[in-house]
Amino acid sequence: MRLVIEEGQVFDIILIDLVMKNMSGLDAVLRLRQWEVENQCDPTPALAVTGSIMKPERDQCYAHGLQVCVSECTVGTRVGATVGRGGGV
């Protein structure tokens, strides 16, 4: 997220792990969404990757501005399908 927030780099899509060392993936996406609003940028499609894909985790992802929440074991298939349809996540 530092590349986006501090350096203003633009990405087509962001894959984010929900469990990270210094900040949760949900907190990172909230910071990203705040930065996008403050800088009048379109939201970058963001996909969450997590080991637990139960409904409460998915609901949290969507509430925090993530478009897709996938299990680590299915990430290749889901990301390929999402990107394949033009990033319309």
N, C-alpha and C. Protein backbone atom coordinates (compact mmCIF):
# COMPACT_ATOMS: atom_id res chain seq x y z
N MET A 1 0.81 -1.19 0.00
CA MET A 1 0.00 0.00 0.00
C MET A 1 0.86 1.26 0.00
N ARG A 2 2.07 1.14 0.52
CA ARG A 2 2.95 2.30 0.58
C ARG A 2 3.17 2.89 -0.80
N LEU A 3 3.31 2.02 -1.81
CA LEU A 3 3.54 2.51 -3.17
C LEU A 3 2.37 3.35 -3.67
N VAL A 4 1.17 2.98 -3.28
CA VAL A 4 -0.01 3.73 -3.70
C VAL A 4 -0.14 5.01 -2.88
N ILE A 5 -0.13 4.87 -1.57
CA ILE A 5 -0.43 6.00 -0.69
C ILE A 5 0.69 7.02 -0.64
N GLU A 6 1.94 6.58 -0.48
CA GLU A 6 3.05 7.52 -0.34
C GLU A 6 3.62 7.98 -1.67
N GLU A 7 3.61 7.11 -2.67
CA GLU A 7 4.25 7.45 -3.93
C GLU A 7 3.27 7.69 -5.07
N GLY A 8 1.97 7.44 -4.83
CA GLY A 8 0.96 7.72 -5.83
C GLY A 8 0.97 6.82 -7.05
N GLN A 9 1.60 5.64 -6.92
CA GLN A 9 1.62 4.71 -8.06
C GLN A 9 0.23 4.14 -8.27
N VAL A 10 -0.10 3.86 -9.52
CA VAL A 10 -1.41 3.33 -9.88
C VAL A 10 -1.25 1.87 -10.31
N PHE A 11 -2.14 1.03 -9.83
CA PHE A 11 -2.13 -0.38 -10.17
C PHE A 11 -3.48 -0.77 -10.77
N ASP A 12 -3.48 -1.79 -11.62
CA ASP A 12 -4.73 -2.27 -12.21
C ASP A 12 -5.56 -3.06 -11.21
N ILE A 13 -4.88 -3.78 -10.31
CA ILE A 13 -5.55 -4.63 -9.33
C ILE A 13 -4.61 -4.83 -8.15
N ILE A 14 -5.17 -5.00 -6.97
CA ILE A 14 -4.36 -5.24 -5.77
C ILE A 14 -4.82 -6.54 -5.13
N LEU A 15 -3.86 -7.43 -4.87
CA LEU A 15 -4.10 -8.64 -4.09
C LEU A 15 -3.57 -8.36 -2.70
N ILE A 16 -4.39 -8.59 -1.68
CA ILE A 16 -3.94 -8.29 -0.33
C ILE A 16 -4.27 -9.43 0.61
N ASP A 17 -3.27 -9.83 1.39
CA ASP A 17 -3.47 -10.85 2.41
C ASP A 17 -4.16 -10.17 3.60
N LEU A 18 -5.14 -10.82 4.16
CA LEU A 18 -5.84 -10.22 5.29
C LEU A 18 -5.00 -10.26 6.57
N VAL A 19 -4.07 -11.19 6.66
CA VAL A 19 -3.24 -11.32 7.85
C VAL A 19 -1.81 -10.93 7.48
N MET A 20 -1.40 -9.75 7.95
CA MET A 20 -0.05 -9.27 7.67
C MET A 20 0.60 -8.87 8.99
N LYS A 21 1.89 -8.65 8.97
CA LYS A 21 2.66 -8.41 10.19
C LYS A 21 2.33 -7.07 10.85
N ASN A 22 2.38 -5.97 10.12
CA ASN A 22 2.27 -4.64 10.73
C ASN A 22 0.88 -4.02 10.67
N MET A 23 0.03 -4.53 9.79
CA MET A 23 -1.30 -3.96 9.62
C MET A 23 -2.20 -5.02 8.99
N SER A 24 -3.44 -5.08 9.42
CA SER A 24 -4.34 -6.07 8.80
C SER A 24 -4.66 -5.63 7.38
N GLY A 25 -4.99 -6.59 6.55
CA GLY A 25 -5.37 -6.27 5.18
C GLY A 25 -6.58 -5.36 5.12
N LEU A 26 -7.52 -5.56 6.06
CA LEU A 26 -8.71 -4.70 6.08
C LEU A 26 -8.34 -3.26 6.41
N ASP A 27 -7.44 -3.06 7.37
CA ASP A 27 -6.99 -1.71 7.69
C ASP A 27 -6.25 -1.08 6.51
N ALA A 28 -5.45 -1.88 5.83
CA ALA A 28 -4.72 -1.36 4.67
C ALA A 28 -5.67 -0.91 3.57
N VAL A 29 -6.73 -1.69 3.33
CA VAL A 29 -7.70 -1.32 2.30
C VAL A 29 -8.48 -0.07 2.71
N LEU A 30 -8.80 0.07 3.99
CA LEU A 30 -9.46 1.29 4.46
C LEU A 30 -8.58 2.51 4.20
N ARG A 31 -7.28 2.39 4.47
CA ARG A 31 -6.36 3.50 4.20
C ARG A 31 -6.31 3.81 2.72
N LEU A 32 -6.28 2.75 1.91
CA LEU A 32 -6.26 2.94 0.46
C LEU A 32 -7.52 3.67 0.00
N ARG A 33 -8.69 3.21 0.46
CA ARG A 33 -9.96 3.85 0.05
C ARG A 33 -10.01 5.31 0.50
N GLN A 34 -9.50 5.62 1.68
CA GLN A 34 -9.46 7.01 2.15
C GLN A 34 -8.56 7.85 1.24
N TRP A 35 -7.40 7.30 0.89
CA TRP A 35 -6.48 8.00 0.01
C TRP A 35 -7.12 8.26 -1.35
N GLU A 36 -7.83 7.24 -1.87
CA GLU A 36 -8.47 7.40 -3.18
C GLU A 36 -9.52 8.50 -3.15
N VAL A 37 -10.30 8.58 -2.08
CA VAL A 37 -11.30 9.64 -1.95
C VAL A 37 -10.62 11.01 -1.85
N GLU A 38 -9.62 11.11 -0.98
CA GLU A 38 -8.91 12.38 -0.80
C GLU A 38 -8.25 12.87 -2.08
N ASN A 39 -7.80 11.95 -2.91
CA ASN A 39 -7.10 12.30 -4.14
C ASN A 39 -7.98 12.18 -5.38
N GLN A 40 -9.28 11.99 -5.16
CA GLN A 40 -10.27 11.90 -6.24
C GLN A 40 -9.89 10.87 -7.29
N CYS A 41 -9.49 9.69 -6.82
CA CYS A 41 -9.12 8.58 -7.71
C CYS A 41 -10.23 7.54 -7.73
N ASP A 42 -10.36 6.86 -8.85
CA ASP A 42 -11.29 5.75 -8.91
C ASP A 42 -10.78 4.63 -8.01
N PRO A 43 -11.69 3.87 -7.38
CA PRO A 43 -11.25 2.76 -6.53
C PRO A 43 -10.50 1.70 -7.34
N THR A 44 -9.36 1.28 -6.82
CA THR A 44 -8.59 0.21 -7.42
C THR A 44 -9.23 -1.12 -7.05
N PRO A 45 -9.51 -2.00 -8.02
CA PRO A 45 -10.05 -3.31 -7.66
C PRO A 45 -9.10 -4.02 -6.69
N ALA A 46 -9.64 -4.53 -5.60
CA ALA A 46 -8.83 -5.19 -4.58
C ALA A 46 -9.42 -6.55 -4.25
N LEU A 47 -8.56 -7.55 -4.23
CA LEU A 47 -8.96 -8.91 -3.91
C LEU A 47 -8.26 -9.34 -2.63
N ALA A 48 -9.04 -9.83 -1.67
CA ALA A 48 -8.48 -10.32 -0.40
C ALA A 48 -8.14 -11.79 -0.53
N VAL A 49 -7.01 -12.17 0.05
CA VAL A 49 -6.59 -13.56 0.10
C VAL A 49 -6.50 -13.94 1.57
N THR A 50 -7.15 -15.03 1.94
CA THR A 50 -7.17 -15.44 3.34
C THR A 50 -7.25 -16.95 3.45
N GLY A 51 -6.80 -17.46 4.58
CA GLY A 51 -6.89 -18.89 4.83
C GLY A 51 -8.30 -19.30 5.25
N SER A 52 -9.05 -18.37 5.81
CA SER A 52 -10.41 -18.64 6.27
C SER A 52 -11.39 -17.89 5.39
N ILE A 53 -12.32 -18.60 4.78
CA ILE A 53 -13.23 -17.98 3.83
C ILE A 53 -14.69 -18.16 4.25
N MET A 54 -14.91 -18.15 5.54
CA MET A 54 -16.27 -18.29 6.06
C MET A 54 -17.05 -17.01 5.76
N LYS A 55 -18.36 -17.10 5.82
CA LYS A 55 -19.23 -15.96 5.49
C LYS A 55 -18.89 -14.70 6.30
N PRO A 56 -18.62 -14.79 7.59
CA PRO A 56 -18.29 -13.55 8.32
C PRO A 56 -17.05 -12.83 7.77
N GLU A 57 -16.04 -13.59 7.35
CA GLU A 57 -14.85 -12.98 6.77
C GLU A 57 -15.17 -12.33 5.43
N ARG A 58 -15.97 -13.02 4.60
CA ARG A 58 -16.37 -12.44 3.31
C ARG A 58 -17.15 -11.15 3.53
N ASP A 59 -18.09 -11.17 4.47
CA ASP A 59 -18.89 -9.97 4.73
C ASP A 59 -18.01 -8.80 5.18
N GLN A 60 -17.01 -9.10 6.01
CA GLN A 60 -16.08 -8.06 6.44
C GLN A 60 -15.31 -7.48 5.26
N CYS A 61 -14.88 -8.36 4.38
CA CYS A 61 -14.14 -7.91 3.19
C CYS A 61 -14.97 -6.95 2.37
N TYR A 62 -16.20 -7.32 2.08
CA TYR A 62 -17.07 -6.48 1.25
C TYR A 62 -17.37 -5.16 1.96
N ALA A 63 -17.56 -5.20 3.28
CA ALA A 63 -17.84 -3.98 4.03
C ALA A 63 -16.66 -3.02 4.03
N HIS A 64 -15.45 -3.54 3.85
CA HIS A 64 -14.25 -2.72 3.84
C HIS A 64 -13.82 -2.31 2.43
N GLY A 65 -14.64 -2.58 1.43
CA GLY A 65 -14.33 -2.11 0.08
C GLY A 65 -13.57 -3.07 -0.80
N LEU A 66 -13.47 -4.34 -0.39
CA LEU A 66 -12.85 -5.35 -1.25
C LEU A 66 -13.93 -5.93 -2.15
N GLN A 67 -13.58 -6.22 -3.38
CA GLN A 67 -14.56 -6.75 -4.32
C GLN A 67 -14.65 -8.26 -4.28
N VAL A 68 -13.55 -8.94 -3.97
CA VAL A 68 -13.52 -10.40 -3.97
C VAL A 68 -12.69 -10.86 -2.77
N CYS A 69 -13.14 -11.90 -2.11
CA CYS A 69 -12.40 -12.50 -1.01
C CYS A 69 -12.25 -13.98 -1.31
N VAL A 70 -11.01 -14.45 -1.47
CA VAL A 70 -10.77 -15.83 -1.88
C VAL A 70 -9.88 -16.55 -0.90
N SER A 71 -10.05 -17.87 -0.85
CA SER A 71 -9.20 -18.74 -0.05
C SER A 71 -7.85 -18.86 -0.72
N GLU A 72 -6.81 -19.01 0.09
CA GLU A 72 -5.46 -19.16 -0.46
C GLU A 72 -5.35 -20.34 -1.42
N CYS A 73 -6.14 -21.38 -1.18
CA CYS A 73 -6.01 -22.56 -2.04
C CYS A 73 -6.73 -22.40 -3.39
N THR A 74 -7.56 -21.38 -3.55
CA THR A 74 -8.26 -21.17 -4.82
C THR A 74 -7.87 -19.87 -5.50
N VAL A 75 -6.89 -19.17 -4.96
CA VAL A 75 -6.57 -17.84 -5.45
C VAL A 75 -6.24 -17.83 -6.94
N GLY A 76 -5.49 -18.78 -7.44
CA GLY A 76 -5.13 -18.79 -8.86
C GLY A 76 -6.33 -18.87 -9.77
N THR A 77 -7.27 -19.73 -9.45
CA THR A 77 -8.47 -19.89 -10.26
C THR A 77 -9.35 -18.65 -10.21
N ARG A 78 -9.61 -18.12 -9.03
CA ARG A 78 -10.50 -16.96 -8.89
C ARG A 78 -9.89 -15.70 -9.48
N VAL A 79 -8.60 -15.48 -9.24
CA VAL A 79 -7.96 -14.28 -9.78
C VAL A 79 -7.93 -14.36 -11.29
N GLY A 80 -7.60 -15.53 -11.83
CA GLY A 80 -7.59 -15.69 -13.30
C GLY A 80 -8.94 -15.39 -13.90
N ALA A 81 -10.01 -15.85 -13.26
CA ALA A 81 -11.37 -15.60 -13.77
C ALA A 81 -11.71 -14.12 -13.66
N THR A 82 -11.31 -13.49 -12.55
CA THR A 82 -11.61 -12.07 -12.37
C THR A 82 -10.88 -11.20 -13.36
N VAL A 83 -9.59 -11.43 -13.52
CA VAL A 83 -8.79 -10.66 -14.47
C VAL A 83 -9.23 -10.96 -15.89
N GLY A 84 -9.59 -12.20 -16.15
CA GLY A 84 -10.03 -12.61 -17.49
C GLY A 84 -11.29 -11.90 -17.94
N ARG A 85 -12.11 -11.46 -17.01
CA ARG A 85 -13.33 -10.75 -17.42
C ARG A 85 -13.13 -9.24 -17.36
N GLY A 86 -11.88 -8.83 -17.53
CA GLY A 86 -11.59 -7.41 -17.68
C GLY A 86 -11.45 -6.67 -16.37
N GLY A 87 -11.15 -7.38 -15.28
CA GLY A 87 -10.97 -6.71 -14.00
C GLY A 87 -12.26 -6.26 -13.38
N GLY A 88 -13.37 -6.62 -13.97
CA GLY A 88 -14.66 -6.22 -13.41
C GLY A 88 -15.01 -7.02 -12.19
N VAL A 89 -14.31 -6.73 -11.12
CA VAL A 89 -14.49 -7.50 -9.90
C VAL A 89 -15.68 -7.05 -9.11
